């Protein structure tokens, strides 16, 4: 019998073109918001493979995974359980689209997934991108470095109050 995980690990793809970043729009218990395409790690895959699979599942796009850019961690007891009770760490990799791959809403999207969009990379859109890593991501991309972020769930807490 599998034991309950004390920490969830995930990976996401950061795909930038023409100063825009590819995001997935969701409308769920947190209200309308965006996420970078990504999700939970599965047994038997590397984090890079997780990013490839999750980008494909959420955007129907094929990508090549590049450098790790941001590591975001959120401890439930530090964020008023905004994301539930599981501690998580997510690894955000810079990715490039494989030639001829066009991002779009998949044929069978996640239940709360409503769109795949390009948003300006340098600011939050009207509906926030969760987690809020816009500034750390820009710093990582400009400085060619990895940035660690403690996600305090401020955006999630704000939209949960709507």
Protein backbone atom coordinates (compact mmCIF):
# COMPACT_ATOMS: atom_id res chain seq x y z
CA UNK A 1 0.00 0.00 0.00
CA UNK A 2 1.53 3.35 -1.02
CA UNK A 3 2.22 5.79 1.78
CA UNK A 4 0.88 9.32 1.78
CA UNK A 5 3.43 11.73 0.35
CA UNK A 6 4.65 14.45 2.63
CA UNK A 7 5.78 16.52 -0.35
CA UNK A 8 4.55 16.70 -3.93
CA UNK A 9 7.04 17.35 -6.69
CA UNK A 10 6.16 18.72 -10.08
CA UNK A 11 7.64 20.28 -13.19
CA UNK A 12 6.48 22.89 -15.68
CA UNK A 13 7.53 24.31 -19.02
CA UNK A 14 8.27 27.99 -19.54
CA UNK A 15 7.84 28.69 -23.25
CA UNK A 16 8.63 32.24 -24.34
CA UNK A 17 8.12 33.72 -27.82
CA UNK A 18 8.01 37.37 -28.84
CA UNK A 19 8.07 38.55 -25.19
CA UNK A 20 5.05 36.37 -24.38
CA UNK A 21 4.84 33.26 -22.23
CA UNK A 22 2.56 30.30 -22.88
CA UNK A 23 0.02 29.75 -20.09
CA UNK A 24 -3.01 27.57 -19.47
CA UNK A 25 -6.24 29.17 -18.28
CA UNK A 26 -8.26 27.43 -15.59
CA UNK A 27 -11.53 28.20 -13.86
CA UNK A 28 -11.83 26.16 -10.67
CA UNK A 29 -12.31 26.59 -6.91
CA UNK A 30 -9.62 29.31 -7.07
CA UNK A 31 -11.60 31.24 -9.70
CA UNK A 32 -10.27 32.14 -13.15
CA UNK A 33 -6.46 32.06 -13.28
CA UNK A 34 -3.52 30.90 -15.34
CA UNK A 35 -0.83 28.31 -14.68
CA UNK A 36 2.37 27.60 -16.52
CA UNK A 37 1.84 24.24 -18.25
CA UNK A 38 2.97 21.62 -15.79
CA UNK A 39 1.97 19.20 -13.10
CA UNK A 40 2.91 16.36 -10.84
CA UNK A 41 5.87 14.07 -11.25
CA UNK A 42 5.09 10.39 -11.87
CA UNK A 43 7.14 7.41 -10.84
CA UNK A 44 9.64 6.36 -13.49
CA UNK A 45 10.23 9.75 -15.08
CA UNK A 46 12.76 12.51 -14.65
CA UNK A 47 11.62 16.05 -13.91
CA UNK A 48 12.50 17.01 -17.48
CA UNK A 49 10.28 14.19 -18.75
CA UNK A 50 7.52 15.40 -16.40
CA UNK A 51 7.73 18.85 -18.00
CA UNK A 52 7.53 17.38 -21.54
CA UNK A 53 4.52 15.20 -20.64
CA UNK A 54 2.65 17.93 -18.79
CA UNK A 55 3.18 20.54 -21.52
CA UNK A 56 1.84 18.02 -24.05
CA UNK A 57 -1.16 17.11 -21.86
CA UNK A 58 -2.14 20.73 -21.21
CA UNK A 59 -1.23 22.47 -24.49
CA UNK A 60 -0.95 19.68 -27.06
CA UNK A 61 2.51 21.10 -27.84
CA UNK A 62 5.79 19.22 -28.13
CA UNK A 63 8.79 20.85 -26.50
CA UNK A 64 12.48 20.46 -25.99
CA UNK A 65 13.45 21.05 -22.35
CA UNK A 66 16.28 23.45 -21.63
CA UNK A 67 17.65 24.95 -18.46
CA UNK A 68 16.05 24.88 -15.04
CA UNK A 69 15.04 28.49 -14.30
CA UNK A 70 12.90 28.61 -11.14
CA UNK A 71 12.27 26.32 -8.20
CA UNK A 72 9.14 27.26 -6.25
CA UNK A 73 8.24 25.76 -2.90
CA UNK A 74 5.08 26.16 -0.89
CA UNK A 75 4.60 24.79 2.61
CA UNK A 76 0.89 24.52 3.48
CA UNK A 77 1.32 25.75 7.05
CA UNK A 78 2.98 28.93 5.73
CA UNK A 79 0.27 29.79 3.19
CA UNK A 80 -2.88 29.12 5.21
CA UNK A 81 -3.41 25.89 3.25
CA UNK A 82 -4.30 27.89 0.12
CA UNK A 83 -3.18 24.95 -2.07
CA UNK A 84 -4.38 22.21 0.27
CA UNK A 85 -2.45 20.26 2.85
CA UNK A 86 0.41 18.90 0.74
CA UNK A 87 3.79 20.61 0.71
CA UNK A 88 4.97 21.08 -2.87
CA UNK A 89 8.07 21.92 -4.86
CA UNK A 90 7.79 22.70 -8.55
CA UNK A 91 10.66 22.96 -11.01
CA UNK A 92 10.18 25.38 -13.93
CA UNK A 93 12.26 24.60 -17.03
CA UNK A 94 12.80 26.90 -19.98
CA UNK A 95 11.46 25.05 -23.04
CA UNK A 96 11.31 25.61 -26.77
CA UNK A 97 8.58 24.46 -29.10
CA UNK A 98 9.52 21.69 -31.51
CA UNK A 99 9.21 23.09 -35.08
CA UNK A 100 5.64 22.82 -36.42
CA UNK A 101 4.24 22.26 -32.92
CA UNK A 102 1.36 24.67 -32.29
CA UNK A 103 0.00 25.06 -28.74
CA UNK A 104 -3.77 24.70 -28.41
CA UNK A 105 -6.43 23.42 -26.07
CA UNK A 106 -6.10 19.62 -26.19
CA UNK A 107 -8.90 17.42 -27.48
CA UNK A 108 -9.52 16.17 -23.91
CA UNK A 109 -8.42 18.99 -21.59
CA UNK A 110 -8.32 18.81 -17.81
CA UNK A 111 -11.85 19.38 -16.44
CA UNK A 112 -11.20 23.00 -15.39
CA UNK A 113 -8.89 23.95 -18.28
CA UNK A 114 -10.55 26.54 -20.52
CA UNK A 115 -7.84 27.95 -22.83
CA UNK A 116 -4.21 28.01 -23.88
CA UNK A 117 -2.93 31.55 -24.36
CA UNK A 118 0.16 33.67 -24.86
CA UNK A 119 0.44 36.40 -22.20
CA UNK A 120 3.03 39.21 -21.89
CA UNK A 121 5.91 37.77 -19.89
CA UNK A 122 6.68 40.95 -17.95
CA UNK A 123 3.40 41.42 -16.08
CA UNK A 124 0.50 39.62 -14.50
CA UNK A 125 -2.63 39.54 -16.69
CA UNK A 126 -6.07 40.45 -15.30
CA UNK A 127 -6.49 36.86 -14.14
CA UNK A 128 -3.29 35.99 -12.25
CA UNK A 129 -0.68 33.42 -13.17
CA UNK A 130 -0.18 31.03 -10.26
CA UNK A 131 2.32 30.73 -8.70
CA UNK A 132 3.41 34.35 -8.81
CA UNK A 133 6.89 33.92 -10.25
CA UNK A 134 6.83 36.66 -12.90
CA UNK A 135 9.66 38.73 -11.36
CA UNK A 136 11.86 35.78 -10.33
CA UNK A 137 11.33 34.22 -13.76
CA UNK A 138 12.37 37.41 -15.55
CA UNK A 139 15.45 37.65 -13.31
CA UNK A 140 16.32 34.01 -14.03
CA UNK A 141 15.91 34.43 -17.79
CA UNK A 142 17.90 37.69 -17.89
CA UNK A 143 20.65 36.46 -15.59
CA UNK A 144 20.82 32.94 -16.98
CA UNK A 145 20.50 31.54 -13.48
CA UNK A 146 18.20 29.46 -11.31
CA UNK A 147 16.00 31.29 -8.81
CA UNK A 148 14.48 29.72 -5.69
CA UNK A 149 11.09 31.13 -4.61
CA UNK A 150 9.09 30.50 -1.49
CA UNK A 151 5.55 30.77 -2.86
CA UNK A 152 3.48 32.57 -0.23
CA UNK A 153 0.23 32.01 -2.18
CA UNK A 154 -0.65 35.71 -2.02
CA UNK A 155 -2.44 35.67 -5.40
CA UNK A 156 -4.33 32.48 -4.57
CA UNK A 157 -5.46 33.90 -1.23
CA UNK A 158 -6.66 37.07 -2.97
CA UNK A 159 -8.67 35.30 -5.65
CA UNK A 160 -10.14 32.88 -3.09
CA UNK A 161 -11.68 35.93 -1.35
CA UNK A 162 -13.57 37.00 -4.51
